């Protein structure tokens, strides 16, 4: 995945970000997310602990969902408590299949969060 920085405002409750996961290289494939749980872990740049995390499945709708499991498409939704301070954050996406095996995306998502007026 090639990930451009995502711009947000503190306390916004409507933003969503959608990803299509893929594997690069020879014989690349799209991971099938059927029966998986996908996770987005976010922390402030330079921090060693996560600010928050979001987990989604094919059936979940509160914080997002896996919207097309066969094509590797998923969406994360941000509520007002997710980005409650300004700064630059990084996010890491992983997914765990029904057998308990986990794969982590190699690229991190940057989030630039600015203060409200």
Protein backbone atom coordinates (compact mmCIF):
# COMPACT_ATOMS: atom_id res chain seq x y z
CA UNK A 1 0.00 0.00 0.00
CA UNK A 2 1.19 3.49 -0.80
CA UNK A 3 -0.33 5.72 1.85
CA UNK A 4 -0.62 9.50 1.61
CA UNK A 5 -1.13 11.48 4.85
CA UNK A 6 -4.78 11.74 5.90
CA UNK A 7 -5.94 15.17 7.17
CA UNK A 8 -8.33 15.41 10.14
CA UNK A 9 -9.60 17.98 12.64
CA UNK A 10 -9.69 17.39 16.41
CA UNK A 11 -13.07 16.00 17.60
CA UNK A 12 -14.52 15.42 14.11
CA UNK A 13 -16.92 12.48 14.29
CA UNK A 14 -17.71 11.82 10.61
CA UNK A 15 -14.39 10.92 8.93
CA UNK A 16 -13.84 7.44 7.56
CA UNK A 17 -10.87 6.00 5.76
CA UNK A 18 -11.10 3.06 3.36
CA UNK A 19 -8.26 0.75 2.37
CA UNK A 20 -7.82 -1.95 -0.25
CA UNK A 21 -5.17 -4.36 0.98
CA UNK A 22 -2.83 -6.01 -1.50
CA UNK A 23 0.45 -7.85 -1.49
CA UNK A 24 3.21 -6.65 -3.79
CA UNK A 25 5.89 -8.63 -5.56
CA UNK A 26 5.98 -11.62 -7.83
CA UNK A 27 2.68 -13.50 -7.82
CA UNK A 28 1.03 -10.79 -5.73
CA UNK A 29 -2.42 -11.51 -4.35
CA UNK A 30 -5.18 -9.71 -2.54
CA UNK A 31 -5.70 -11.09 0.95
CA UNK A 32 -9.18 -12.55 1.39
CA UNK A 33 -10.62 -11.04 4.57
CA UNK A 34 -13.53 -13.48 4.88
CA UNK A 35 -13.84 -14.46 8.55
CA UNK A 36 -11.05 -12.05 9.54
CA UNK A 37 -10.82 -9.31 12.12
CA UNK A 38 -8.95 -6.24 10.89
CA UNK A 39 -7.25 -3.83 13.30
CA UNK A 40 -6.01 -0.27 13.03
CA UNK A 41 -3.63 0.73 15.83
CA UNK A 42 -2.81 4.45 16.07
CA UNK A 43 -0.17 6.27 18.09
CA UNK A 44 1.31 9.75 18.11
CA UNK A 45 4.63 10.01 16.27
CA UNK A 46 7.41 9.33 18.78
CA UNK A 47 5.10 7.62 21.29
CA UNK A 48 5.59 4.03 22.41
CA UNK A 49 1.98 3.35 23.41
CA UNK A 50 -1.12 3.37 21.23
CA UNK A 51 -3.53 6.29 21.40
CA UNK A 52 -6.38 4.02 20.31
CA UNK A 53 -7.21 1.01 18.19
CA UNK A 54 -10.21 0.01 16.09
CA UNK A 55 -11.21 -3.57 15.26
CA UNK A 56 -13.66 -4.39 12.48
CA UNK A 57 -15.19 -7.52 10.93
CA UNK A 58 -17.48 -8.20 7.98
CA UNK A 59 -20.53 -7.69 10.19
CA UNK A 60 -19.46 -4.73 12.32
CA UNK A 61 -20.73 -1.24 11.61
CA UNK A 62 -19.97 0.83 14.74
CA UNK A 63 -16.31 1.62 13.98
CA UNK A 64 -16.27 0.49 10.34
CA UNK A 65 -16.35 -2.84 8.59
CA UNK A 66 -14.78 -5.17 6.07
CA UNK A 67 -16.84 -4.02 3.09
CA UNK A 68 -15.60 -6.50 0.44
CA UNK A 69 -13.76 -9.46 1.94
CA UNK A 70 -12.84 -11.07 -1.41
CA UNK A 71 -11.25 -7.84 -2.68
CA UNK A 72 -9.50 -6.97 0.61
CA UNK A 73 -11.52 -3.76 1.15
CA UNK A 74 -12.15 -2.40 4.65
CA UNK A 75 -13.24 0.86 6.28
CA UNK A 76 -12.44 2.43 9.64
CA UNK A 77 -14.69 5.16 11.09
CA UNK A 78 -13.45 7.74 13.61
CA UNK A 79 -15.68 8.92 16.45
CA UNK A 80 -15.04 12.12 18.40
CA UNK A 81 -12.95 10.40 21.06
CA UNK A 82 -10.41 8.97 18.60
CA UNK A 83 -8.42 12.12 17.69
CA UNK A 84 -8.93 14.37 20.71
CA UNK A 85 -5.61 16.24 20.36
CA UNK A 86 -3.72 17.75 17.45
CA UNK A 87 -0.46 16.35 16.10
CA UNK A 88 0.91 13.77 13.70
CA UNK A 89 -0.06 10.17 14.25
CA UNK A 90 0.85 6.89 12.55
CA UNK A 91 -1.43 3.92 12.03
CA UNK A 92 -0.70 0.26 11.46
CA UNK A 93 -3.20 -2.14 9.86
CA UNK A 94 -3.23 -5.86 10.54
CA UNK A 95 -5.72 -8.66 10.10
CA UNK A 96 -6.19 -11.97 11.86
CA UNK A 97 -7.88 -14.92 10.14
CA UNK A 98 -10.21 -17.47 11.71
CA UNK A 99 -7.23 -19.77 12.43
CA UNK A 100 -5.62 -17.02 14.55
CA UNK A 101 -2.84 -16.18 12.07
CA UNK A 102 -1.99 -12.47 11.75
CA UNK A 103 -0.57 -10.42 8.87
CA UNK A 104 0.51 -6.78 9.22
CA UNK A 105 0.55 -4.32 6.32
CA UNK A 106 4.11 -3.13 5.61
CA UNK A 107 3.22 0.56 5.20
CA UNK A 108 2.01 2.88 7.94
CA UNK A 109 -0.71 5.48 7.53
CA UNK A 110 0.08 9.03 8.63
CA UNK A 111 -2.69 11.16 10.12
CA UNK A 112 -2.22 14.91 10.45
CA UNK A 113 -4.69 16.27 13.00
CA UNK A 114 -5.14 20.02 13.40
CA UNK A 115 -7.00 21.99 16.08
CA UNK A 116 -10.50 23.32 15.69
CA UNK A 117 -11.01 27.07 15.27
